């Protein structure tokens, strides 16, 4: 399951409907937090709490693969229940 507009629409909180290109190779922390309607801090918190290894680019910035994005989407769904 990849992040799609349908997946995000099923969550209780709304996301920006103008976001396009949801099927990307990777997301920055800011892009993913905007898609999931959470803060950057929240993603870093989930990373720590769930002991997730987030890859970093050559500058040390986090990037989120579609698989990791799906994990964060599932975590968010669980938190909203």
C-alpha atoms as a PDB file:
ATOM      1  CA  UNK A   1       0.000   0.000   0.000  1.00  0.00           C
ATOM      2  CA  UNK A   2       1.416   3.378  -0.993  1.00  0.00           C
ATOM      3  CA  UNK A   3       0.342   6.782   0.153  1.00  0.00           C
ATOM      4  CA  UNK A   4      -2.475   7.886  -2.104  1.00  0.00           C
ATOM      5  CA  UNK A   5      -5.193  10.487  -1.915  1.00  0.00           C
ATOM      6  CA  UNK A   6      -7.670   7.683  -1.051  1.00  0.00           C
ATOM      7  CA  UNK A   7      -5.558   6.455   1.888  1.00  0.00           C
ATOM      8  CA  UNK A   8      -5.265   9.968   3.236  1.00  0.00           C
ATOM      9  CA  UNK A   9      -8.949  10.675   2.700  1.00  0.00           C
ATOM     10  CA  UNK A  10      -9.793   7.734   4.963  1.00  0.00           C
ATOM     11  CA  UNK A  11      -8.105   9.363   7.941  1.00  0.00           C
ATOM     12  CA  UNK A  12     -10.097  11.525  10.332  1.00  0.00           C
ATOM     13  CA  UNK A  13      -8.012  14.660   9.878  1.00  0.00           C
ATOM     14  CA  UNK A  14      -7.893  16.395   6.555  1.00  0.00           C
ATOM     15  CA  UNK A  15      -4.824  16.955   4.446  1.00  0.00           C
ATOM     16  CA  UNK A  16      -4.117  19.565   1.817  1.00  0.00           C
ATOM     17  CA  UNK A  17      -6.266  18.540  -1.194  1.00  0.00           C
ATOM     18  CA  UNK A  18      -3.960  20.426  -3.550  1.00  0.00           C
ATOM     19  CA  UNK A  19      -1.019  18.106  -2.905  1.00  0.00           C
ATOM     20  CA  UNK A  20       0.001  16.367  -6.077  1.00  0.00           C
ATOM     21  CA  UNK A  21       2.454  13.643  -7.021  1.00  0.00           C
ATOM     22  CA  UNK A  22       1.841  11.484  -3.970  1.00  0.00           C
ATOM     23  CA  UNK A  23       3.546   8.498  -5.606  1.00  0.00           C
ATOM     24  CA  UNK A  24       7.129   9.724  -5.356  1.00  0.00           C
ATOM     25  CA  UNK A  25      10.389   7.854  -4.945  1.00  0.00           C
ATOM     26  CA  UNK A  26      11.071   9.650  -1.682  1.00  0.00           C
ATOM     27  CA  UNK A  27       9.716  12.395   0.542  1.00  0.00           C
ATOM     28  CA  UNK A  28      11.464  14.958   2.700  1.00  0.00           C
ATOM     29  CA  UNK A  29      10.394  15.197   6.321  1.00  0.00           C
ATOM     30  CA  UNK A  30       8.492  18.400   5.520  1.00  0.00           C
ATOM     31  CA  UNK A  31       6.668  16.825   2.565  1.00  0.00           C
ATOM     32  CA  UNK A  32       5.677  13.736   4.524  1.00  0.00           C
ATOM     33  CA  UNK A  33       4.578  15.707   7.576  1.00  0.00           C
ATOM     34  CA  UNK A  34       2.370  17.882   5.335  1.00  0.00           C
ATOM     35  CA  UNK A  35       0.834  14.806   3.687  1.00  0.00           C
ATOM     36  CA  UNK A  36       0.070  13.205   7.044  1.00  0.00           C
ATOM     37  CA  UNK A  37      -0.978  16.473   8.714  1.00  0.00           C
ATOM     38  CA  UNK A  38       1.524  16.101  11.543  1.00  0.00           C
ATOM     39  CA  UNK A  39       4.587  18.094  12.558  1.00  0.00           C
ATOM     40  CA  UNK A  40       8.169  17.278  11.635  1.00  0.00           C
ATOM     41  CA  UNK A  41       8.751  16.698  15.347  1.00  0.00           C
ATOM     42  CA  UNK A  42       6.003  14.056  15.376  1.00  0.00           C
ATOM     43  CA  UNK A  43       7.722  12.090  12.593  1.00  0.00           C
ATOM     44  CA  UNK A  44      11.032  12.231  14.463  1.00  0.00           C
ATOM     45  CA  UNK A  45       9.213  11.089  17.635  1.00  0.00           C
ATOM     46  CA  UNK A  46       7.674   8.097  15.798  1.00  0.00           C
ATOM     47  CA  UNK A  47      11.095   7.309  14.361  1.00  0.00           C
ATOM     48  CA  UNK A  48      12.523   7.125  17.867  1.00  0.00           C
ATOM     49  CA  UNK A  49       9.555   5.368  19.517  1.00  0.00           C
ATOM     50  CA  UNK A  50       9.291   2.656  16.861  1.00  0.00           C
ATOM     51  CA  UNK A  51      13.057   2.355  16.415  1.00  0.00           C
ATOM     52  CA  UNK A  52      12.835   3.064  12.673  1.00  0.00           C
ATOM     53  CA  UNK A  53      16.002   3.510  10.649  1.00  0.00           C
ATOM     54  CA  UNK A  54      15.431   6.430   8.330  1.00  0.00           C
ATOM     55  CA  UNK A  55      17.970   6.782   5.515  1.00  0.00           C
ATOM     56  CA  UNK A  56      19.764  10.066   5.017  1.00  0.00           C
ATOM     57  CA  UNK A  57      21.121  11.728   1.928  1.00  0.00           C
ATOM     58  CA  UNK A  58      24.700  12.913   1.436  1.00  0.00           C
ATOM     59  CA  UNK A  59      23.916  16.077   3.424  1.00  0.00           C
ATOM     60  CA  UNK A  60      22.502  14.117   6.346  1.00  0.00           C
ATOM     61  CA  UNK A  61      18.865  15.007   5.669  1.00  0.00           C
ATOM     62  CA  UNK A  62      16.222  12.350   6.231  1.00  0.00           C
ATOM     63  CA  UNK A  63      14.338  10.993   3.243  1.00  0.00           C
ATOM     64  CA  UNK A  64      11.367   8.681   3.401  1.00  0.00           C
ATOM     65  CA  UNK A  65      10.831   5.891   0.874  1.00  0.00           C
ATOM     66  CA  UNK A  66       7.298   4.843  -0.117  1.00  0.00           C
ATOM     67  CA  UNK A  67       7.619   1.849   2.232  1.00  0.00           C
ATOM     68  CA  UNK A  68       8.554   4.073   5.164  1.00  0.00           C
ATOM     69  CA  UNK A  69       5.798   6.496   4.233  1.00  0.00           C
ATOM     70  CA  UNK A  70       3.320   3.619   4.453  1.00  0.00           C
ATOM     71  CA  UNK A  71       4.615   2.727   7.921  1.00  0.00           C
ATOM     72  CA  UNK A  72       4.099   6.293   9.109  1.00  0.00           C
ATOM     73  CA  UNK A  73       0.624   6.337   7.563  1.00  0.00           C
ATOM     74  CA  UNK A  74      -0.284   3.187   9.508  1.00  0.00           C
ATOM     75  CA  UNK A  75       1.144   4.640  12.740  1.00  0.00           C
ATOM     76  CA  UNK A  76      -0.940   7.766  12.207  1.00  0.00           C
ATOM     77  CA  UNK A  77      -4.079   5.716  11.600  1.00  0.00           C
ATOM     78  CA  UNK A  78      -3.473   3.780  14.826  1.00  0.00           C
ATOM     79  CA  UNK A  79      -2.950   6.991  16.776  1.00  0.00           C
ATOM     80  CA  UNK A  80      -6.263   8.388  15.485  1.00  0.00           C
ATOM     81  CA  UNK A  81      -8.276   5.347  16.630  1.00  0.00           C
END
